[in-house]
Amino acid sequence: QVQLVESGGGLVQAGDSLRLSCTASGRTFNSYTMAWFRQAPGKERKFVARIMWSGSSTYYADAVKGRFTISRDDAKNTVYLQMNSLKPEDTAVYYCAAQRYYSGSDYRTYDYWGQGTQVTVSS
């Protein structure tokens, strides 16, 4: 059992920055992959970034490369998403997710999800 709780969302202006946090509770394993997804109204949930819980490898969606950074603090069981140079098209509910066994970036393969945190970027 893994429980994920996101925080850090809010309303910001284009060009601003936000840092999202995802704290995991319950049993976790250092082999779990952690990821961020986002979903805008009427659109499919899309991959944003992922990081191996016990490793250093990261991967980003093309839309956020160079602007977003995913990181983790294993001692705090927390994953972060630093979002810089935010654009209106980044507006979405952002979800933290965990994957028991690595299988890529498809949201349908992730096993645990947080409740989401709203990020709204005004122009």
Protein backbone atom coordinates (compact mmCIF):
# COMPACT_ATOMS: atom_id res chain seq x y z
CA GLN A 1 0.00 0.00 0.00
CA VAL A 2 1.31 3.40 -1.04
CA GLN A 3 -0.42 6.71 -0.40
CA LEU A 4 0.58 9.82 -2.31
CA VAL A 5 -0.27 13.41 -1.42
CA GLU A 6 0.51 16.35 -3.70
CA SER A 7 0.87 19.97 -2.68
CA GLY A 8 2.16 23.25 -4.08
CA GLY A 9 -0.32 24.05 -6.82
CA GLY A 10 -1.89 27.45 -7.27
CA LEU A 11 -2.70 30.36 -9.53
CA VAL A 12 0.29 32.07 -11.13
CA GLN A 13 1.11 34.38 -14.00
CA ALA A 14 2.82 33.27 -17.20
CA GLY A 15 6.57 33.18 -16.66
CA ASP A 16 6.30 32.42 -12.96
CA SER A 17 7.54 29.33 -11.15
CA LEU A 18 5.99 26.74 -8.86
CA ARG A 19 7.34 23.73 -7.04
CA LEU A 20 5.04 20.78 -6.54
CA SER A 21 5.67 18.20 -3.86
CA CYS A 22 4.51 14.62 -3.58
CA THR A 23 4.96 12.83 -0.28
CA ALA A 24 4.58 9.07 -0.08
CA SER A 25 3.45 7.15 2.96
CA GLY A 26 3.02 3.48 3.62
CA ARG A 27 5.40 0.92 2.25
CA THR A 28 7.60 2.01 -0.56
CA PHE A 29 10.44 0.35 -2.37
CA ASN A 30 13.55 1.94 -3.75
CA SER A 31 12.82 0.36 -7.12
CA TYR A 32 9.52 2.21 -7.60
CA THR A 33 9.36 4.69 -10.43
CA MET A 34 7.79 8.03 -9.53
CA ALA A 35 6.19 10.31 -12.07
CA TRP A 36 4.12 13.41 -12.64
CA PHE A 37 1.16 13.53 -14.99
CA ARG A 38 -1.25 16.31 -15.82
CA GLN A 39 -4.77 16.52 -17.16
CA ALA A 40 -6.57 19.52 -18.58
CA PRO A 41 -10.38 19.65 -18.83
CA GLY A 42 -11.66 17.47 -21.64
CA LYS A 43 -8.22 16.06 -22.41
CA GLU A 44 -6.44 12.79 -21.75
CA ARG A 45 -4.06 12.49 -18.84
CA LYS A 46 -0.54 13.08 -20.13
CA PHE A 47 2.93 12.22 -18.92
CA VAL A 48 5.08 15.08 -17.64
CA ALA A 49 8.20 13.62 -16.00
CA ARG A 50 9.48 10.53 -14.24
CA ILE A 51 12.35 9.55 -11.98
CA MET A 52 13.57 6.25 -10.63
CA TRP A 53 13.02 6.29 -6.87
CA SER A 54 16.41 4.79 -6.08
CA GLY A 55 18.23 6.01 -9.15
CA SER A 56 19.24 9.20 -10.89
CA SER A 57 17.68 8.69 -14.32
CA THR A 58 14.97 11.11 -15.37
CA TYR A 59 12.80 11.58 -18.42
CA TYR A 60 10.61 14.47 -19.56
CA ALA A 61 7.84 15.11 -22.01
CA ASP A 62 8.95 17.30 -24.90
CA ALA A 63 6.53 20.03 -23.86
CA VAL A 64 8.32 20.62 -20.55
CA LYS A 65 11.97 19.90 -21.38
CA GLY A 66 14.22 22.70 -20.24
CA ARG A 67 11.53 24.21 -18.01
CA PHE A 68 10.57 21.49 -15.52
CA THR A 69 12.85 19.48 -13.25
CA ILE A 70 11.88 16.36 -11.33
CA SER A 71 13.86 15.41 -8.24
CA ARG A 72 13.52 13.34 -5.10
CA ASP A 73 14.53 13.22 -1.47
CA ASP A 74 14.47 9.58 -0.44
CA ALA A 75 14.95 10.38 3.25
CA LYS A 76 11.71 12.39 3.17
CA ASN A 77 9.89 10.05 0.78
CA THR A 78 9.18 13.08 -1.35
CA VAL A 79 9.29 13.80 -5.07
CA TYR A 80 9.34 17.34 -6.42
CA LEU A 81 8.47 18.99 -9.68
CA GLN A 82 10.12 22.37 -10.14
CA MET A 83 8.23 24.25 -12.84
CA ASN A 84 9.82 27.35 -14.35
CA SER A 85 8.74 29.65 -17.16
CA LEU A 86 5.16 28.50 -16.82
CA LYS A 87 2.84 28.94 -19.78
CA PRO A 88 -0.97 29.06 -19.96
CA GLU A 89 -0.90 25.69 -21.72
CA ASP A 90 0.61 24.20 -18.55
CA THR A 91 -2.72 24.75 -16.80
CA ALA A 92 -3.98 21.38 -15.56
CA VAL A 93 -4.49 19.19 -12.57
CA TYR A 94 -1.12 17.66 -11.75
CA TYR A 95 -0.96 14.14 -10.37
CA CYS A 96 1.81 12.24 -8.68
CA ALA A 97 2.00 8.54 -9.49
CA ALA A 98 4.04 5.49 -8.52
CA GLN A 99 4.86 2.40 -10.55
CA ARG A 100 5.82 -0.90 -8.95
CA TYR A 101 7.80 -2.15 -11.89
CA TYR A 102 9.21 0.13 -14.53
CA SER A 103 7.27 -0.03 -17.78
CA GLY A 104 7.45 3.46 -19.22
CA SER A 105 5.39 6.64 -19.26
CA ASP A 106 1.86 5.42 -20.00
CA TYR A 107 -0.46 6.48 -17.16
CA ARG A 108 -2.36 3.23 -17.52
CA THR A 109 0.66 1.31 -16.21
CA TYR A 110 0.96 3.23 -12.92
CA ASP A 111 -0.29 1.63 -9.73
CA TYR A 112 -0.78 4.44 -7.22
CA TRP A 113 -2.05 7.99 -7.61
CA GLY A 114 -2.38 11.12 -5.55
CA GLN A 115 -5.54 13.22 -5.52
CA GLY A 116 -4.08 15.92 -7.73
CA THR A 117 -3.25 19.58 -7.30
CA GLN A 118 -4.50 22.37 -9.55
CA VAL A 119 -2.04 24.55 -11.42
CA THR A 120 -3.50 27.54 -13.24
CA VAL A 121 -1.33 29.84 -15.33
CA SER A 122 -2.84 33.12 -16.48
CA SER A 123 -1.66 35.00 -19.55
